């Protein structure tokens, strides 16, 4: 019996990136699958288990230290730090044959033997962001025996880092698409047919447009009721778990109270593609959600480039070629008004980039492809 532990200690935005493969592996013979997570996981977890008809016993809740629990209660913090969970439960984690990650939590676990457990990384997101394709991350990636990716683009970005001696990269498609279809519910966001604008800034201060222009953008759409507007930033921009995150108190209450605006710091709707599927216009910077926004059809996209990056020479900003790029939001009103004219020139580029980004098999789900890849890895490793 092969024991596989899916390590999930972070935000709910990662659930769609591994759950479908868990479901595929759960009923396979000679494989024992656990989801290793913190105590009292989000209700979204249980909703997914119900939808996939998987018993709750698959969840193994890992406690943190008692003194940390007390500190979190005083601080009003909801989710415990994964650093201390890993430290306290290291023996349990190292008892698995395979540990599967969607973020680099493997850095916190020191193995005495690199062959026990084996590490597998399921790439989450499909953007061109500089993370994790920088030289300083290569040693972390080399700890993984297997890395699954959504398409050729991500493989090419890893390849530009140089050769990996013992890490195999396998294209398996984008699990999130299968998960979203499985979990889909009908949602009415607005009670009219005005165009819907999605503003989706990243959390990294180096690249995020929010620090410079965010409040001005919110005020602009508050005043301009000809658009419906969704503010759904990356969850880490206002995350209580991040030391460098912003306070939600920065956002004036009046924006919550108007019918044509949605302010969402990290609900289920912000991670299950509800907003990207219902939006007509995208405004952002470096988030991979631009590709989720475009996956079903071509649409206008506007990128705010706060560093004035030459996207033709930068591998990590390919998405800037998929729409209009501005360095100052004074240009925003005109671009919104003329979007039907300039969008036409980006349609071919958008279609081509989606094909390059996502390897979609119409006859086989991505979760099944990931599961089969893991099983093949197990067979070869015997």
Protein backbone atom coordinates (compact mmCIF):
# COMPACT_ATOMS: atom_id res chain seq x y z
CA UNK A 1 0.00 0.00 0.00
CA UNK A 2 1.43 3.37 -1.10
CA UNK A 3 0.62 6.23 1.30
CA UNK A 4 0.14 9.58 -0.43
CA UNK A 5 -0.38 12.77 1.55
CA UNK A 6 -1.65 15.93 -0.15
CA UNK A 7 -0.29 18.82 1.94
CA UNK A 8 -2.80 21.66 2.10
CA UNK A 9 -2.04 24.30 4.72
CA UNK A 10 -2.75 27.50 2.80
CA UNK A 11 -5.70 29.47 1.39
CA UNK A 12 -8.81 28.02 -0.24
CA UNK A 13 -7.63 29.33 -3.62
CA UNK A 14 -5.45 26.19 -3.83
CA UNK A 15 -8.30 23.68 -3.38
CA UNK A 16 -9.30 23.70 -7.09
CA UNK A 17 -5.70 22.95 -8.07
CA UNK A 18 -5.43 19.52 -6.45
CA UNK A 19 -8.84 18.22 -5.50
CA UNK A 20 -9.74 16.54 -8.77
CA UNK A 21 -6.59 14.41 -8.69
CA UNK A 22 -7.30 13.44 -5.06
CA UNK A 23 -10.71 12.19 -6.16
CA UNK A 24 -9.15 10.20 -9.01
CA UNK A 25 -6.57 8.57 -6.73
CA UNK A 26 -8.94 7.88 -3.85
CA UNK A 27 -10.52 4.77 -5.37
CA UNK A 28 -7.36 3.37 -6.95
CA UNK A 29 -6.19 0.00 -5.60
CA UNK A 30 -3.11 -0.23 -3.37
CA UNK A 31 -3.10 3.54 -2.75
CA UNK A 32 -4.02 5.28 0.53
CA UNK A 33 -4.74 8.99 0.08
CA UNK A 34 -4.92 11.58 2.88
CA UNK A 35 -5.37 15.34 2.73
CA UNK A 36 -3.10 16.81 5.39
CA UNK A 37 -4.44 20.12 6.58
CA UNK A 38 -4.83 22.37 9.62
CA UNK A 39 -7.53 21.96 12.24
CA UNK A 40 -11.04 23.15 11.38
CA UNK A 41 -10.58 23.48 7.61
CA UNK A 42 -12.83 25.78 5.59
CA UNK A 43 -16.38 24.64 4.85
CA UNK A 44 -15.51 24.72 1.14
CA UNK A 45 -13.41 21.62 1.77
CA UNK A 46 -16.41 19.67 3.03
CA UNK A 47 -18.60 20.91 0.17
CA UNK A 48 -16.05 19.53 -2.28
CA UNK A 49 -15.88 16.18 -0.48
CA UNK A 50 -19.67 15.92 -0.60
CA UNK A 51 -19.74 16.74 -4.31
CA UNK A 52 -17.11 14.10 -5.09
CA UNK A 53 -18.71 11.59 -2.68
CA UNK A 54 -15.52 11.20 -0.65
CA UNK A 55 -15.80 10.51 3.13
CA UNK A 56 -14.53 13.15 5.55
CA UNK A 57 -12.10 10.57 6.95
CA UNK A 58 -9.72 11.42 4.10
CA UNK A 59 -8.93 14.66 5.97
CA UNK A 60 -6.13 14.40 8.52
CA UNK A 61 -6.19 17.52 10.69
CA UNK A 62 -2.73 18.43 11.96
CA UNK A 63 -2.68 20.39 15.22
CA UNK A 64 -0.36 23.23 16.01
CA UNK A 65 1.29 23.93 19.38
CA UNK A 66 -1.02 24.84 22.28
CA UNK A 67 0.80 28.12 22.95
CA UNK A 68 0.25 29.10 19.28
CA UNK A 69 -3.45 28.31 19.57
CA UNK A 70 -3.70 30.64 22.56
CA UNK A 71 -1.77 33.35 20.72
CA UNK A 72 -4.00 33.06 17.64
CA UNK A 73 -7.12 33.35 19.79
CA UNK A 74 -5.80 36.55 21.37
CA UNK A 75 -4.80 37.90 17.95
CA UNK A 76 -8.13 36.95 16.38
CA UNK A 77 -6.31 34.98 13.72
CA UNK A 78 -8.45 32.34 12.01
CA UNK A 79 -5.90 30.18 10.19
CA UNK A 80 -2.79 28.84 11.95
CA UNK A 81 0.69 29.31 10.54
CA UNK A 82 1.78 26.36 8.42
CA UNK A 83 5.34 26.79 9.69
CA UNK A 84 4.46 25.57 13.20
CA UNK A 85 2.07 22.88 11.99
CA UNK A 86 4.86 21.36 9.90
CA UNK A 87 7.33 21.61 12.76
CA UNK A 88 4.99 19.89 15.23
CA UNK A 89 3.89 17.16 12.80
CA UNK A 90 7.17 16.46 11.04
CA UNK A 91 7.23 12.77 12.01
CA UNK A 92 3.73 12.24 10.65
CA UNK A 93 4.60 13.96 7.37
CA UNK A 94 7.79 11.98 6.90
CA UNK A 95 5.91 8.71 7.38
CA UNK A 96 4.26 9.02 3.94
CA UNK A 97 5.70 7.46 0.80
CA UNK A 98 4.77 10.52 -1.26
CA UNK A 99 3.94 14.08 -0.25
CA UNK A 100 2.14 16.25 -2.80
CA UNK A 101 2.41 20.05 -2.64
CA UNK A 102 0.85 22.98 -4.48
CA UNK A 103 3.17 25.56 -2.84
CA UNK A 104 6.73 25.34 -1.57
CA UNK A 105 5.95 24.05 1.92
CA UNK A 106 8.53 21.35 1.25
CA UNK A 107 11.18 23.93 2.19
CA UNK A 108 10.05 23.65 5.82
CA UNK A 109 10.51 19.86 5.96
CA UNK A 110 14.02 18.49 6.28
CA UNK A 111 14.27 14.92 5.03
CA UNK A 112 17.07 12.68 6.24
CA UNK A 113 16.55 10.51 3.17
CA UNK A 114 15.63 12.18 -0.12
CA UNK A 115 13.87 9.01 -1.22
CA UNK A 116 11.43 8.96 1.72
CA UNK A 117 9.05 10.54 1.19
CA UNK A 118 9.21 11.47 -2.49
CA UNK A 119 7.98 14.97 -3.27
CA UNK A 120 5.53 15.86 -6.06
CA UNK A 121 4.58 19.42 -7.01
CA UNK A 122 1.26 20.28 -8.69
CA UNK A 123 1.73 23.64 -10.37
CA UNK A 124 -1.06 26.01 -9.38
CA UNK A 125 -1.89 28.96 -11.57
CA UNK A 126 -0.91 29.40 -15.19
CA UNK A 127 0.53 32.89 -15.37
CA UNK A 128 3.86 34.30 -16.50
CA UNK A 129 4.81 35.66 -13.10
CA UNK A 130 8.47 35.73 -12.10
CA UNK A 131 7.62 33.34 -9.24
CA UNK A 132 8.63 30.48 -9.10
CA UNK A 133 10.85 30.69 -12.19
CA UNK A 134 13.76 32.55 -10.61
CA UNK A 135 17.24 31.01 -10.08
CA UNK A 136 16.93 31.14 -6.29
CA UNK A 137 14.00 28.70 -6.45
CA UNK A 138 15.77 26.07 -8.52
CA UNK A 139 17.12 24.14 -5.53
CA UNK A 140 13.61 23.99 -4.04
CA UNK A 141 12.13 22.69 -7.29
CA UNK A 142 14.91 20.11 -7.55
CA UNK A 143 13.60 18.51 -4.35
CA UNK A 144 10.56 17.38 -6.34
CA UNK A 145 10.80 14.13 -8.26
CA UNK A 146 7.77 15.08 -10.34
CA UNK A 147 6.20 18.41 -11.33
CA UNK A 148 2.85 18.50 -13.15
CA UNK A 149 2.04 21.56 -15.26
CA UNK A 150 -1.01 22.92 -17.14
CA UNK A 151 0.67 23.31 -20.52
CA UNK A 152 3.75 23.91 -22.64
CA UNK A 153 4.20 27.53 -21.54
CA UNK A 154 4.92 26.62 -17.92
CA UNK A 155 7.29 23.84 -19.03
CA UNK A 156 9.17 26.36 -21.17
CA UNK A 157 9.43 28.78 -18.25
CA UNK A 158 10.93 26.04 -16.08
CA UNK A 159 13.27 25.03 -18.93
CA UNK A 160 14.78 28.53 -19.11
CA UNK A 161 16.05 28.00 -15.54
CA UNK A 162 18.47 25.35 -16.81
CA UNK A 163 18.61 21.57 -16.55
CA UNK A 164 17.03 19.71 -13.64
CA UNK A 165 18.94 16.52 -12.86
CA UNK A 166 16.27 14.47 -11.09
CA UNK A 167 13.03 16.38 -11.65
CA UNK A 168 10.56 15.24 -14.30
CA UNK A 169 8.05 17.73 -15.73
CA UNK A 170 4.77 16.38 -17.08
CA UNK A 171 2.02 18.38 -18.84
CA UNK A 172 -1.35 17.34 -17.39
CA UNK A 173 -3.70 20.24 -18.09
CA UNK A 174 -5.38 22.60 -15.64
CA UNK A 175 -7.15 20.81 -12.78
CA UNK A 176 -9.05 23.90 -11.75
CA UNK A 177 -11.19 23.76 -14.90
CA UNK A 178 -12.47 20.28 -14.05
CA UNK A 179 -13.05 21.20 -10.42
CA UNK A 180 -15.02 24.33 -11.33
CA UNK A 181 -17.25 22.35 -13.71
CA UNK A 182 -17.90 19.77 -11.00
CA UNK A 183 -18.71 22.37 -8.34
CA UNK A 184 -20.56 24.80 -10.61
CA UNK A 185 -23.59 26.64 -9.27
CA UNK A 186 -25.62 29.31 -11.03
CA UNK A 187 -24.80 32.77 -9.67
CA UNK A 188 -26.40 36.13 -10.47
CA UNK A 189 -23.93 38.89 -9.64
CA UNK A 190 -25.84 41.96 -10.83
CA UNK A 191 -29.49 42.64 -11.68
CA UNK A 192 -28.83 44.36 -15.01
CA UNK A 193 -26.85 43.84 -18.20
CA UNK A 194 -24.28 46.60 -17.84
CA UNK A 195 -20.71 45.56 -18.76
CA UNK A 196 -18.88 43.92 -15.85
CA UNK A 197 -15.34 45.05 -15.05
CA UNK A 198 -13.06 42.83 -12.95
CA UNK A 199 -10.13 44.49 -11.17
CA UNK A 200 -7.70 41.79 -10.02
CA UNK A 201 -4.42 43.24 -8.68
CA UNK A 202 -1.59 41.04 -7.47
CA UNK A 203 -0.28 41.11 -3.89
CA UNK A 204 3.42 41.65 -4.65
CA UNK A 205 4.25 45.30 -3.93
CA UNK A 206 6.88 45.17 -6.65
CA UNK A 207 4.31 44.60 -9.39
CA UNK A 208 0.86 45.26 -7.91
CA UNK A 209 -1.04 48.24 -9.28
CA UNK A 210 -3.11 48.55 -6.13
CA UNK A 211 -0.52 50.35 -4.00
CA UNK A 212 -0.32 53.22 -6.47
CA UNK A 213 -3.71 53.28 -8.15
CA UNK A 214 -6.06 50.90 -6.35
CA UNK A 215 -8.16 53.37 -4.37
CA UNK A 216 -8.38 55.73 -7.36
CA UNK A 217 -9.67 52.87 -9.53
CA UNK A 218 -12.30 51.96 -6.96
CA UNK A 219 -13.41 55.59 -6.73
CA UNK A 220 -13.59 55.89 -10.52
CA UNK A 221 -15.99 52.96 -10.80
CA UNK A 222 -17.95 54.12 -7.78
CA UNK A 223 -18.63 57.35 -9.65
CA UNK A 224 -19.19 55.71 -13.08
CA UNK A 225 -22.31 53.61 -12.72
CA UNK A 226 -22.40 52.71 -16.42
CA UNK A 227 -20.27 49.71 -15.42
CA UNK A 228 -20.72 46.96 -12.87
CA UNK A 229 -17.47 46.51 -11.00
CA UNK A 230 -15.82 43.64 -9.12
CA UNK A 231 -12.81 44.18 -6.91
CA UNK A 232 -11.33 40.72 -6.28
CA UNK A 233 -7.59 41.01 -5.60
CA UNK A 234 -5.23 38.12 -5.01
CA UNK A 235 -6.15 36.76 -1.57
CA UNK A 236 -2.70 37.54 -0.16
CA UNK A 237 -3.07 41.30 -0.75
CA UNK A 238 -5.34 41.57 2.30
CA UNK A 239 -4.45 38.29 4.02
CA UNK A 240 -4.23 38.13 7.80
CA UNK A 241 -1.54 35.47 7.45
CA UNK A 242 0.89 37.77 5.64
CA UNK A 243 3.02 40.28 7.55
CA UNK A 244 3.13 42.60 4.54
CA UNK A 245 -0.57 42.49 3.70
CA UNK A 246 -2.90 45.46 3.75
CA UNK A 247 -5.81 46.08 6.10
CA UNK A 248 -9.33 45.78 4.69
CA UNK A 249 -10.06 48.99 6.62
CA UNK A 250 -8.35 50.82 3.74
CA UNK A 251 -11.44 50.24 1.64
CA UNK A 252 -14.18 52.85 2.31
CA UNK A 253 -17.51 51.39 3.45
CA UNK A 254 -19.43 53.24 0.73
CA UNK A 255 -18.05 50.79 -1.88
CA UNK A 256 -19.77 47.89 -0.11
CA UNK A 257 -23.10 49.68 -0.08
CA UNK A 258 -23.61 50.40 -3.77
CA UNK A 259 -25.43 47.90 -5.98
CA UNK A 260 -23.03 48.10 -8.92
CA UNK A 261 -19.89 47.11 -6.95
CA UNK A 262 -18.70 43.85 -5.40
CA UNK A 263 -15.78 43.91 -2.96
CA UNK A 264 -14.37 40.45 -2.32
CA UNK A 265 -11.15 39.73 -0.41
CA UNK A 266 -11.25 35.96 -0.68
CA UNK A 267 -14.63 34.23 -0.76
CA UNK A 268 -15.32 31.01 -2.63
CA UNK A 269 -16.56 33.08 -5.58
CA UNK A 270 -13.16 34.74 -5.84
CA UNK A 271 -11.41 31.39 -6.37
CA UNK A 272 -13.93 29.31 -8.37
CA UNK A 273 -13.80 31.41 -11.55
CA UNK A 274 -17.21 33.01 -10.91
CA UNK A 275 -15.78 36.47 -11.51
CA UNK A 276 -13.49 35.66 -14.44
CA UNK A 277 -16.32 33.83 -16.22
CA UNK A 278 -18.86 36.63 -15.67
CA UNK A 279 -16.60 39.62 -16.33
CA UNK A 280 -16.57 41.40 -19.70
CA UNK A 281 -13.45 43.52 -19.11
CA UNK A 282 -10.30 42.68 -17.16
CA UNK A 283 -8.03 45.16 -15.35
CA UNK A 284 -4.94 43.81 -13.63
CA UNK A 285 -1.17 43.52 -13.54
CA UNK A 286 0.57 40.13 -13.13
CA UNK A 287 -2.11 37.72 -11.89
CA UNK A 288 -2.56 34.40 -13.70
CA UNK A 289 -6.31 35.00 -13.59
CA UNK A 290 -5.99 36.79 -16.92
CA UNK A 291 -5.77 33.34 -18.48
CA UNK A 292 -8.84 32.11 -16.62
CA UNK A 293 -10.62 35.26 -17.82
CA UNK A 294 -9.79 34.45 -21.46
CA UNK A 295 -10.11 30.67 -21.49
CA UNK A 296 -13.70 30.54 -22.80
CA UNK A 297 -13.61 33.49 -25.21
CA UNK A 298 -11.60 36.54 -26.20
CA UNK A 299 -12.36 39.71 -24.23
CA UNK A 300 -10.80 43.15 -23.59
CA UNK A 301 -7.93 43.23 -21.11
CA UNK A 302 -6.11 46.25 -19.66
CA UNK A 303 -2.82 45.90 -17.80
CA UNK A 304 -1.33 48.49 -15.45
CA UNK A 305 2.45 48.41 -15.74
CA UNK A 306 3.86 50.27 -12.76
CA UNK A 307 7.48 49.40 -13.64
CA UNK A 308 7.28 50.21 -17.37
CA UNK A 309 8.55 46.76 -18.29
CA UNK A 310 9.58 45.90 -21.83
CA UNK A 311 7.33 42.89 -22.26
CA UNK A 312 8.99 41.88 -25.55
CA UNK A 313 12.20 41.09 -23.68
CA UNK A 314 10.69 39.77 -20.45
CA UNK A 315 9.50 36.15 -20.34
CA UNK A 316 7.38 36.81 -17.27
CA UNK A 317 5.11 39.41 -18.89
CA UNK A 318 3.87 37.64 -22.01
CA UNK A 319 0.32 38.46 -20.97
CA UNK A 320 1.00 42.16 -21.53
CA UNK A 321 0.73 41.37 -25.25
CA UNK A 322 -2.88 40.26 -24.81
CA UNK A 323 -4.38 43.70 -24.26
CA UNK A 324 -3.71 47.37 -23.73
CA UNK A 325 -0.87 48.31 -21.37
CA UNK A 326 -0.97 51.59 -19.47
CA UNK A 327 1.41 53.16 -16.97
CA UNK A 328 -1.06 55.75 -15.67
CA UNK A 329 -4.77 55.30 -15.04
CA UNK A 330 -5.57 58.62 -16.67
CA UNK A 331 -5.74 56.56 -19.88
CA UNK A 332 -8.32 54.17 -18.42
CA UNK A 333 -11.58 56.00 -19.30
CA UNK A 334 -10.74 56.28 -23.01
CA UNK A 335 -9.66 52.63 -23.24
CA UNK A 336 -12.90 51.51 -21.64
CA UNK A 337 -14.97 53.56 -24.07
CA UNK A 338 -13.07 52.37 -27.17
CA UNK A 339 -12.60 48.73 -26.16
CA UNK A 340 -14.67 47.29 -29.02
CA UNK A 341 -12.34 48.93 -31.52
CA UNK A 342 -8.97 47.93 -30.10
CA UNK A 343 -9.96 44.48 -28.80
CA UNK A 344 -10.14 43.03 -32.33
CA UNK A 345 -6.36 43.26 -32.81
CA UNK A 346 -5.75 41.04 -29.75
CA UNK A 347 -8.14 38.18 -30.52
CA UNK A 348 -5.66 35.98 -32.41
CA UNK A 349 -2.94 36.57 -29.80
CA UNK A 350 -5.34 35.68 -26.98
CA UNK A 351 -6.45 32.44 -28.66
CA UNK A 352 -2.88 31.42 -29.41
CA UNK A 353 -1.69 32.14 -25.87
CA UNK A 354 -4.56 30.18 -24.32
CA UNK A 355 -3.58 27.16 -26.43
CA UNK A 356 0.04 27.61 -25.37
CA UNK A 357 -0.92 27.95 -21.71
CA UNK A 358 -3.52 25.17 -21.31
CA UNK A 359 -3.16 21.65 -22.69
CA UNK A 360 -6.79 20.52 -22.64
CA UNK A 361 -7.72 16.94 -23.49
CA UNK A 362 -11.45 16.79 -24.42
CA UNK A 363 -11.54 13.08 -23.59
CA UNK A 364 -9.73 13.06 -20.27
CA UNK A 365 -9.90 15.37 -17.27
CA UNK A 366 -6.77 17.02 -15.95
CA UNK A 367 -7.32 15.37 -12.57
CA UNK A 368 -7.27 11.97 -14.22
CA UNK A 369 -4.12 12.89 -16.15
CA UNK A 370 -2.40 13.97 -12.93
CA UNK A 371 -3.52 10.78 -11.16
CA UNK A 372 -2.25 8.59 -14.00
CA UNK A 373 1.05 10.48 -14.03
CA UNK A 374 1.47 9.88 -10.29
CA UNK A 375 0.62 6.19 -10.69
CA UNK A 376 3.15 5.87 -13.54
CA UNK A 377 5.70 7.57 -11.33
CA UNK A 378 5.01 5.04 -8.55
CA UNK A 379 5.32 2.11 -10.97
CA UNK A 380 8.64 3.32 -12.37
CA UNK A 381 9.97 3.93 -8.86
CA UNK A 382 9.40 0.35 -7.71
